[in-house]
Amino acid sequence: MNYGLTLRLAPPYGNKSANMNTISSLTTTDLAAAFQIETRAHAFPWSEKTFASNQGERYLNFRLMAGDTMAAFAITQVVLDEATLFNIAVDPAFQRQGLGKMLLLHLIAELEKRDVLTLWLEVRASNAAAIALYESLGFNEATVRRNYYPTATGREDAIIMALPI
């Protein structure tokens, strides 16, 4: 599949004051900024230690910069011909502008170059916006992990989704 991505992306929705958006590798020097996005975007964020442990040769991690500001990141592990998107987050200040989709399309294009056949992810059953985004990109529900995620009042299911690349 050809997803037609470029690394320089025009600001979404005519935001003339914004600089160009760029996607590049997420490195260890970016982890503090990514962790800040994580804590703002997720009610139950990863720890800094978890971020640090999800780096290395088996990982394909990206950041999306809106001008000089990190607006989003994606952390993906690649093993042979499969990849798992472990974490993706868009800073709440940049949400609903298409940046998550841009980042996912870039990730998919890079996985295709590496001959990855399937991209897996899990998502909270209550995260309707993310599920709609994933479905719009061709992800399909594979299974459900019951009571997987913590919530303020108990647990909720994780939907496991797969995208054939």
N, C-alpha and C. Protein backbone atom coordinates (compact mmCIF):
# COMPACT_ATOMS: atom_id res chain seq x y z
N MET A 1 0.84 -1.19 0.00
CA MET A 1 0.00 0.00 0.00
C MET A 1 0.88 1.24 0.00
N ASN A 2 0.46 2.24 -0.72
CA ASN A 2 1.19 3.50 -0.73
C ASN A 2 0.34 4.53 0.00
N TYR A 3 0.85 5.01 1.13
CA TYR A 3 0.10 5.95 1.94
C TYR A 3 0.45 7.41 1.63
N GLY A 4 1.37 7.63 0.69
CA GLY A 4 1.68 8.96 0.20
C GLY A 4 2.06 9.97 1.26
N LEU A 5 2.99 9.63 2.13
CA LEU A 5 3.39 10.53 3.21
C LEU A 5 4.66 11.28 2.89
N THR A 6 4.75 12.48 3.37
CA THR A 6 6.00 13.22 3.36
C THR A 6 6.35 13.53 4.80
N LEU A 7 7.60 13.85 5.02
CA LEU A 7 8.02 14.16 6.39
C LEU A 7 7.60 15.56 6.82
N ARG A 8 7.47 16.47 5.87
CA ARG A 8 7.01 17.81 6.22
C ARG A 8 5.53 17.89 5.90
N LEU A 9 4.75 18.23 6.89
CA LEU A 9 3.30 18.23 6.74
C LEU A 9 2.75 19.63 7.01
N ALA A 10 1.85 20.07 6.18
CA ALA A 10 1.26 21.40 6.35
C ALA A 10 0.48 21.46 7.65
N PRO A 11 0.42 22.63 8.26
CA PRO A 11 -0.38 22.76 9.49
C PRO A 11 -1.82 22.36 9.22
N PRO A 12 -2.45 21.68 10.16
CA PRO A 12 -3.82 21.23 9.95
C PRO A 12 -4.83 22.38 9.98
N TYR A 13 -5.87 22.22 9.19
CA TYR A 13 -7.04 23.10 9.23
C TYR A 13 -6.71 24.58 9.13
N GLY A 14 -5.77 24.91 8.28
CA GLY A 14 -5.49 26.30 7.98
C GLY A 14 -4.91 27.10 9.12
N ASN A 15 -4.25 26.47 10.05
CA ASN A 15 -3.63 27.19 11.16
C ASN A 15 -2.39 27.90 10.62
N LYS A 16 -2.58 29.13 10.16
CA LYS A 16 -1.51 29.86 9.47
C LYS A 16 -0.36 30.21 10.40
N SER A 17 -0.60 30.31 11.69
CA SER A 17 0.46 30.70 12.61
C SER A 17 1.37 29.53 12.96
N ALA A 18 0.92 28.31 12.71
CA ALA A 18 1.73 27.15 13.06
C ALA A 18 2.83 26.93 12.04
N ASN A 19 3.95 26.43 12.49
CA ASN A 19 5.02 26.04 11.60
C ASN A 19 4.68 24.70 10.99
N MET A 20 5.51 24.25 10.08
CA MET A 20 5.31 22.94 9.47
C MET A 20 5.46 21.85 10.53
N ASN A 21 4.71 20.77 10.34
CA ASN A 21 4.83 19.60 11.21
C ASN A 21 5.85 18.66 10.60
N THR A 22 6.71 18.10 11.44
CA THR A 22 7.71 17.15 10.97
C THR A 22 7.66 15.89 11.81
N ILE A 23 7.95 14.77 11.16
CA ILE A 23 8.01 13.48 11.85
C ILE A 23 9.43 12.97 11.74
N SER A 24 9.99 12.57 12.88
CA SER A 24 11.34 12.03 12.91
C SER A 24 11.43 10.99 14.01
N SER A 25 12.58 10.35 14.10
CA SER A 25 12.77 9.31 15.12
C SER A 25 12.69 9.91 16.52
N LEU A 26 12.06 9.19 17.42
CA LEU A 26 12.03 9.53 18.84
C LEU A 26 13.28 8.93 19.45
N THR A 27 14.12 9.76 20.06
CA THR A 27 15.36 9.28 20.65
C THR A 27 15.31 9.43 22.16
N THR A 28 16.33 8.92 22.82
CA THR A 28 16.36 9.00 24.29
C THR A 28 16.36 10.45 24.77
N THR A 29 16.88 11.37 23.97
CA THR A 29 16.86 12.78 24.39
C THR A 29 15.46 13.38 24.33
N ASP A 30 14.53 12.69 23.67
CA ASP A 30 13.14 13.16 23.57
C ASP A 30 12.24 12.60 24.66
N LEU A 31 12.75 11.69 25.48
CA LEU A 31 11.88 10.96 26.40
C LEU A 31 11.20 11.86 27.43
N ALA A 32 11.88 12.89 27.91
CA ALA A 32 11.26 13.78 28.90
C ALA A 32 10.04 14.49 28.30
N ALA A 33 10.18 14.98 27.07
CA ALA A 33 9.05 15.65 26.41
C ALA A 33 7.93 14.66 26.12
N ALA A 34 8.29 13.45 25.68
CA ALA A 34 7.27 12.42 25.42
C ALA A 34 6.54 12.05 26.71
N PHE A 35 7.28 11.96 27.80
CA PHE A 35 6.66 11.62 29.09
C PHE A 35 5.68 12.71 29.52
N GLN A 36 6.00 13.96 29.25
CA GLN A 36 5.08 15.05 29.58
C GLN A 36 3.78 14.92 28.78
N ILE A 37 3.89 14.59 27.51
CA ILE A 37 2.69 14.36 26.69
C ILE A 37 1.90 13.19 27.27
N GLU A 38 2.61 12.12 27.60
CA GLU A 38 1.97 10.92 28.15
C GLU A 38 1.14 11.25 29.39
N THR A 39 1.70 12.04 30.30
CA THR A 39 0.98 12.35 31.54
C THR A 39 -0.21 13.28 31.30
N ARG A 40 -0.13 14.10 30.26
CA ARG A 40 -1.27 14.98 29.94
C ARG A 40 -2.35 14.25 29.16
N ALA A 41 -1.96 13.25 28.36
CA ALA A 41 -2.90 12.61 27.45
C ALA A 41 -3.60 11.38 28.03
N HIS A 42 -2.99 10.73 29.02
CA HIS A 42 -3.53 9.47 29.53
C HIS A 42 -3.81 9.54 31.03
N ALA A 43 -4.97 9.04 31.42
CA ALA A 43 -5.35 9.02 32.84
C ALA A 43 -4.46 8.06 33.63
N PHE A 44 -3.97 7.01 32.98
CA PHE A 44 -3.09 6.04 33.62
C PHE A 44 -1.81 5.94 32.78
N PRO A 45 -0.91 6.93 32.93
CA PRO A 45 0.26 7.00 32.05
C PRO A 45 1.32 5.94 32.37
N TRP A 46 2.16 5.69 31.35
CA TRP A 46 3.36 4.88 31.56
C TRP A 46 4.28 5.60 32.54
N SER A 47 5.15 4.85 33.16
CA SER A 47 6.19 5.44 34.01
C SER A 47 7.38 5.86 33.14
N GLU A 48 8.23 6.70 33.68
CA GLU A 48 9.45 7.08 32.96
C GLU A 48 10.32 5.85 32.70
N LYS A 49 10.34 4.92 33.63
CA LYS A 49 11.12 3.69 33.46
C LYS A 49 10.59 2.87 32.28
N THR A 50 9.28 2.81 32.12
CA THR A 50 8.70 2.08 31.00
C THR A 50 9.09 2.74 29.68
N PHE A 51 9.06 4.08 29.63
CA PHE A 51 9.51 4.77 28.43
C PHE A 51 10.94 4.39 28.09
N ALA A 52 11.80 4.43 29.08
CA ALA A 52 13.22 4.14 28.85
C ALA A 52 13.43 2.71 28.37
N SER A 53 12.61 1.78 28.83
CA SER A 53 12.80 0.37 28.46
C SER A 53 12.23 0.04 27.08
N ASN A 54 11.49 0.96 26.48
CA ASN A 54 10.91 0.73 25.15
C ASN A 54 11.69 1.48 24.08
N GLN A 55 12.99 1.35 24.13
CA GLN A 55 13.91 1.95 23.16
C GLN A 55 14.88 0.86 22.71
N GLY A 56 15.48 1.03 21.57
CA GLY A 56 16.49 0.08 21.12
C GLY A 56 16.25 -0.41 19.71
N GLU A 57 17.03 -1.39 19.31
CA GLU A 57 17.04 -1.81 17.91
C GLU A 57 15.75 -2.47 17.44
N ARG A 58 14.97 -3.04 18.34
CA ARG A 58 13.70 -3.68 17.94
C ARG A 58 12.53 -2.70 17.93
N TYR A 59 12.81 -1.44 18.21
CA TYR A 59 11.74 -0.45 18.30
C TYR A 59 11.82 0.53 17.14
N LEU A 60 10.65 0.95 16.68
CA LEU A 60 10.52 1.97 15.65
C LEU A 60 9.66 3.06 16.27
N ASN A 61 10.32 4.06 16.83
CA ASN A 61 9.63 5.10 17.59
C ASN A 61 9.75 6.44 16.87
N PHE A 62 8.64 7.18 16.85
CA PHE A 62 8.61 8.46 16.15
C PHE A 62 8.04 9.55 17.04
N ARG A 63 8.42 10.78 16.69
CA ARG A 63 7.83 11.97 17.30
C ARG A 63 7.30 12.85 16.19
N LEU A 64 6.25 13.57 16.48
CA LEU A 64 5.72 14.56 15.55
C LEU A 64 5.91 15.92 16.19
N MET A 65 6.64 16.77 15.49
CA MET A 65 6.91 18.11 15.99
C MET A 65 6.00 19.10 15.29
N ALA A 66 5.36 19.96 16.05
CA ALA A 66 4.60 21.09 15.52
C ALA A 66 5.48 22.31 15.74
N GLY A 67 6.21 22.67 14.71
CA GLY A 67 7.22 23.70 14.87
C GLY A 67 8.31 23.18 15.78
N ASP A 68 8.56 23.87 16.88
CA ASP A 68 9.60 23.47 17.83
C ASP A 68 9.06 22.66 19.00
N THR A 69 7.78 22.31 18.97
CA THR A 69 7.14 21.64 20.09
C THR A 69 6.76 20.21 19.72
N MET A 70 7.14 19.26 20.59
CA MET A 70 6.69 17.89 20.35
C MET A 70 5.19 17.84 20.63
N ALA A 71 4.44 17.38 19.64
CA ALA A 71 2.99 17.33 19.75
C ALA A 71 2.46 15.92 19.91
N ALA A 72 3.26 14.92 19.49
CA ALA A 72 2.80 13.53 19.53
C ALA A 72 3.98 12.59 19.44
N PHE A 73 3.75 11.35 19.84
CA PHE A 73 4.77 10.32 19.71
C PHE A 73 4.10 8.97 19.49
N ALA A 74 4.88 8.03 18.97
CA ALA A 74 4.42 6.64 18.81
C ALA A 74 5.59 5.72 19.15
N ILE A 75 5.30 4.67 19.90
CA ILE A 75 6.30 3.68 20.29
C ILE A 75 5.84 2.32 19.78
N THR A 76 6.66 1.71 18.93
CA THR A 76 6.30 0.47 18.25
C THR A 76 7.45 -0.52 18.32
N GLN A 77 7.13 -1.75 18.65
CA GLN A 77 8.13 -2.82 18.64
C GLN A 77 7.94 -3.65 17.38
N VAL A 78 9.05 -3.96 16.71
CA VAL A 78 9.03 -4.78 15.50
C VAL A 78 9.76 -6.08 15.79
N VAL A 79 9.08 -7.20 15.55
CA VAL A 79 9.67 -8.52 15.69
C VAL A 79 9.35 -9.30 14.42
N LEU A 80 10.40 -9.59 13.65
CA LEU A 80 10.25 -10.29 12.37
C LEU A 80 9.27 -9.54 11.47
N ASP A 81 8.16 -10.17 11.08
CA ASP A 81 7.24 -9.52 10.16
C ASP A 81 5.98 -8.97 10.84
N GLU A 82 6.06 -8.78 12.16
CA GLU A 82 4.94 -8.20 12.90
C GLU A 82 5.43 -7.03 13.74
N ALA A 83 4.54 -6.08 13.95
CA ALA A 83 4.83 -4.94 14.80
C ALA A 83 3.67 -4.73 15.75
N THR A 84 3.99 -4.20 16.92
CA THR A 84 2.97 -3.87 17.91
C THR A 84 3.13 -2.42 18.32
N LEU A 85 2.07 -1.64 18.11
CA LEU A 85 2.05 -0.25 18.56
C LEU A 85 1.76 -0.28 20.05
N PHE A 86 2.79 -0.03 20.85
CA PHE A 86 2.64 -0.08 22.30
C PHE A 86 2.01 1.19 22.87
N ASN A 87 2.32 2.33 22.26
CA ASN A 87 1.84 3.58 22.83
C ASN A 87 1.83 4.64 21.74
N ILE A 88 0.77 5.40 21.72
CA ILE A 88 0.68 6.58 20.86
C ILE A 88 -0.08 7.63 21.64
N ALA A 89 0.39 8.86 21.59
CA ALA A 89 -0.30 9.94 22.31
C ALA A 89 -0.09 11.25 21.57
N VAL A 90 -1.13 12.05 21.57
CA VAL A 90 -1.09 13.41 21.05
C VAL A 90 -1.35 14.33 22.23
N ASP A 91 -0.51 15.33 22.39
CA ASP A 91 -0.71 16.30 23.46
C ASP A 91 -2.13 16.87 23.35
N PRO A 92 -2.86 16.95 24.47
CA PRO A 92 -4.23 17.48 24.41
C PRO A 92 -4.35 18.84 23.71
N ALA A 93 -3.31 19.67 23.79
CA ALA A 93 -3.35 20.97 23.12
C ALA A 93 -3.34 20.84 21.60
N PHE A 94 -2.97 19.67 21.08
CA PHE A 94 -2.88 19.45 19.64
C PHE A 94 -3.88 18.41 19.13
N GLN A 95 -4.74 17.93 20.00
CA GLN A 95 -5.69 16.89 19.59
C GLN A 95 -6.76 17.46 18.66
N ARG A 96 -7.39 16.54 17.90
CA ARG A 96 -8.48 16.85 16.97
C ARG A 96 -7.99 17.70 15.80
N GLN A 97 -6.71 17.57 15.44
CA GLN A 97 -6.14 18.29 14.31
C GLN A 97 -5.57 17.33 13.26
N GLY A 98 -5.79 16.03 13.43
CA GLY A 98 -5.30 15.06 12.46
C GLY A 98 -3.87 14.61 12.66
N LEU A 99 -3.24 15.04 13.75
CA LEU A 99 -1.83 14.70 13.96
C LEU A 99 -1.63 13.22 14.28
N GLY A 100 -2.54 12.63 15.02
CA GLY A 100 -2.44 11.20 15.31
C GLY A 100 -2.51 10.39 14.03
N LYS A 101 -3.39 10.78 13.13
CA LYS A 101 -3.51 10.08 11.85
C LYS A 101 -2.24 10.25 11.03
N MET A 102 -1.69 11.46 11.00
CA MET A 102 -0.43 11.69 10.28
C MET A 102 0.67 10.78 10.80
N LEU A 103 0.77 10.69 12.11
CA LEU A 103 1.80 9.88 12.73
C LEU A 103 1.59 8.40 12.41
N LEU A 104 0.37 7.94 12.49
CA LEU A 104 0.07 6.54 12.16
C LEU A 104 0.35 6.22 10.69
N LEU A 105 -0.01 7.11 9.80
CA LEU A 105 0.27 6.88 8.38
C LEU A 105 1.77 6.79 8.12
N HIS A 106 2.53 7.64 8.79
CA HIS A 106 3.99 7.59 8.66
C HIS A 106 4.52 6.26 9.19
N LEU A 107 4.04 5.85 10.34
CA LEU A 107 4.46 4.57 10.92
C LEU A 107 4.15 3.42 9.97
N ILE A 108 2.95 3.38 9.44
CA ILE A 108 2.55 2.30 8.53
C ILE A 108 3.45 2.27 7.29
N ALA A 109 3.74 3.44 6.73
CA ALA A 109 4.62 3.51 5.56
C ALA A 109 6.02 2.98 5.89
N GLU A 110 6.53 3.32 7.06
CA GLU A 110 7.85 2.83 7.47
C GLU A 110 7.84 1.32 7.71
N LEU A 111 6.77 0.82 8.28
CA LEU A 111 6.66 -0.63 8.50
C LEU A 111 6.59 -1.37 7.17
N GLU A 112 5.89 -0.79 6.22
CA GLU A 112 5.80 -1.40 4.89
C GLU A 112 7.19 -1.51 4.26
N LYS A 113 8.01 -0.48 4.41
CA LYS A 113 9.38 -0.52 3.88
C LYS A 113 10.21 -1.64 4.50
N ARG A 114 9.87 -2.00 5.72
CA ARG A 114 10.60 -3.04 6.45
C ARG A 114 9.97 -4.42 6.29
N ASP A 115 9.03 -4.54 5.36
CA ASP A 115 8.36 -5.81 5.06
C ASP A 115 7.58 -6.38 6.24
N VAL A 116 7.08 -5.50 7.09
CA VAL A 116 6.19 -5.93 8.18
C VAL A 116 4.83 -6.24 7.56
N LEU A 117 4.25 -7.35 7.97
CA LEU A 117 2.98 -7.80 7.39
C LEU A 117 1.76 -7.40 8.21
N THR A 118 1.93 -7.25 9.53
CA THR A 118 0.79 -6.95 10.40
C THR A 118 1.21 -5.98 11.49
N LEU A 119 0.37 -4.98 11.73
CA LEU A 119 0.54 -4.06 12.85
C LEU A 119 -0.57 -4.32 13.84
N TRP A 120 -0.21 -4.62 15.08
CA TRP A 120 -1.15 -4.90 16.16
C TRP A 120 -1.20 -3.72 17.12
N LEU A 121 -2.33 -3.56 17.79
CA LEU A 121 -2.45 -2.58 18.87
C LEU A 121 -3.58 -3.00 19.79
N GLU A 122 -3.60 -2.39 20.95
CA GLU A 122 -4.73 -2.57 21.87
C GLU A 122 -5.22 -1.18 22.24
N VAL A 123 -6.52 -1.06 22.47
CA VAL A 123 -7.13 0.22 22.76
C VAL A 123 -8.23 0.01 23.79
N ARG A 124 -8.39 0.99 24.66
CA ARG A 124 -9.49 0.93 25.63
C ARG A 124 -10.83 0.87 24.90
N ALA A 125 -11.71 0.01 25.36
CA ALA A 125 -13.03 -0.12 24.74
C ALA A 125 -13.80 1.20 24.78
N SER A 126 -13.52 2.05 25.75
CA SER A 126 -14.22 3.32 25.88
C SER A 126 -13.66 4.42 24.98
N ASN A 127 -12.54 4.18 24.32
CA ASN A 127 -11.88 5.21 23.52
C ASN A 127 -12.44 5.21 22.09
N ALA A 128 -13.66 5.71 21.96
CA ALA A 128 -14.37 5.68 20.67
C ALA A 128 -13.63 6.46 19.58
N ALA A 129 -13.01 7.58 19.92
CA ALA A 129 -12.30 8.38 18.92
C ALA A 129 -11.12 7.60 18.35
N ALA A 130 -10.35 6.94 19.21
CA ALA A 130 -9.20 6.16 18.73
C ALA A 130 -9.67 4.97 17.90
N ILE A 131 -10.71 4.29 18.35
CA ILE A 131 -11.23 3.13 17.60
C ILE A 131 -11.69 3.57 16.21
N ALA A 132 -12.38 4.70 16.13
CA ALA A 132 -12.83 5.21 14.83
C ALA A 132 -11.64 5.53 13.92
N LEU A 133 -10.60 6.13 14.49
CA LEU A 133 -9.39 6.42 13.71
C LEU A 133 -8.76 5.13 13.19
N TYR A 134 -8.58 4.17 14.08
CA TYR A 134 -7.96 2.90 13.66
C TYR A 134 -8.79 2.21 12.59
N GLU A 135 -10.09 2.18 12.76
CA GLU A 135 -10.96 1.55 11.75
C GLU A 135 -10.88 2.29 10.41
N SER A 136 -10.76 3.62 10.45
CA SER A 136 -10.66 4.39 9.20
C SER A 136 -9.38 4.08 8.44
N LEU A 137 -8.37 3.58 9.14
CA LEU A 137 -7.10 3.21 8.52
C LEU A 137 -7.05 1.74 8.12
N GLY A 138 -8.12 0.99 8.43
CA GLY A 138 -8.18 -0.40 8.01
C GLY A 138 -7.94 -1.43 9.10
N PHE A 139 -7.78 -0.99 10.34
CA PHE A 139 -7.63 -1.94 11.44
C PHE A 139 -8.94 -2.68 11.65
N ASN A 140 -8.84 -3.94 12.04
CA ASN A 140 -10.00 -4.76 12.38
C ASN A 140 -9.85 -5.31 13.78
N GLU A 141 -10.97 -5.48 14.46
CA GLU A 141 -10.94 -6.08 15.80
C GLU A 141 -10.58 -7.55 15.69
N ALA A 142 -9.58 -7.97 16.47
CA ALA A 142 -9.15 -9.37 16.46
C ALA A 142 -9.72 -10.13 17.66
N THR A 143 -9.69 -9.49 18.82
CA THR A 143 -10.20 -10.12 20.04
C THR A 143 -10.37 -9.05 21.12
N VAL A 144 -10.85 -9.47 22.27
CA VAL A 144 -11.03 -8.57 23.41
C VAL A 144 -10.34 -9.19 24.62
N ARG A 145 -9.60 -8.36 25.35
CA ARG A 145 -9.03 -8.77 26.64
C ARG A 145 -9.93 -8.18 27.72
N ARG A 146 -10.63 -9.03 28.41
CA ARG A 146 -11.59 -8.59 29.42
C ARG A 146 -10.88 -8.00 30.64
N ASN A 147 -11.42 -6.89 31.13
CA ASN A 147 -10.95 -6.25 32.37
C ASN A 147 -9.44 -5.99 32.36
N TYR A 148 -8.92 -5.53 31.24
CA TYR A 148 -7.48 -5.36 31.07
C TYR A 148 -6.96 -4.05 31.65
N TYR A 149 -7.65 -2.95 31.36
CA TYR A 149 -7.18 -1.63 31.76
C TYR A 149 -7.78 -1.19 33.09
N PRO A 150 -6.99 -0.51 33.93
CA PRO A 150 -7.58 0.08 35.14
C PRO A 150 -8.39 1.32 34.79
N THR A 151 -9.41 1.58 35.58
CA THR A 151 -10.19 2.82 35.47
C THR A 151 -10.33 3.39 36.87
N ALA A 152 -10.92 4.56 36.97
CA ALA A 152 -11.13 5.18 38.28
C ALA A 152 -12.09 4.36 39.13
N THR A 153 -12.95 3.58 38.49
CA THR A 153 -13.96 2.82 39.23
C THR A 153 -13.82 1.30 39.11
N GLY A 154 -12.74 0.84 38.50
CA GLY A 154 -12.57 -0.61 38.35
C GLY A 154 -11.68 -0.97 37.18
N ARG A 155 -12.23 -1.70 36.21
CA ARG A 155 -11.46 -2.17 35.06
C ARG A 155 -12.31 -2.02 33.80
N GLU A 156 -11.64 -2.00 32.65
CA GLU A 156 -12.35 -2.01 31.37
C GLU A 156 -11.61 -2.88 30.37
N ASP A 157 -12.33 -3.28 29.33
CA ASP A 157 -11.78 -4.18 28.32
C ASP A 157 -10.79 -3.47 27.41
N ALA A 158 -9.88 -4.26 26.86
CA ALA A 158 -8.99 -3.81 25.79
C ALA A 158 -9.43 -4.49 24.50
N ILE A 159 -9.55 -3.72 23.45
CA ILE A 159 -9.85 -4.28 22.14
C ILE A 159 -8.52 -4.43 21.41
N ILE A 160 -8.23 -5.66 20.96
CA ILE A 160 -7.02 -5.93 20.20
C ILE A 160 -7.38 -5.78 18.73
N MET A 161 -6.61 -4.94 18.03
CA MET A 161 -6.89 -4.68 16.62
C MET A 161 -5.65 -5.01 15.79
N ALA A 162 -5.88 -5.37 14.53
CA ALA A 162 -4.78 -5.71 13.63
C ALA A 162 -4.99 -5.03 12.28
N LEU A 163 -3.88 -4.63 11.69
CA LEU A 163 -3.89 -4.05 10.35
C LEU A 163 -2.97 -4.86 9.47
N PRO A 164 -3.50 -5.54 8.45
CA PRO A 164 -2.61 -6.18 7.48
C PRO A 164 -1.97 -5.09 6.61
N ILE A 165 -0.67 -5.15 6.49
CA ILE A 165 0.05 -4.10 5.74
C ILE A 165 0.39 -4.62 4.35
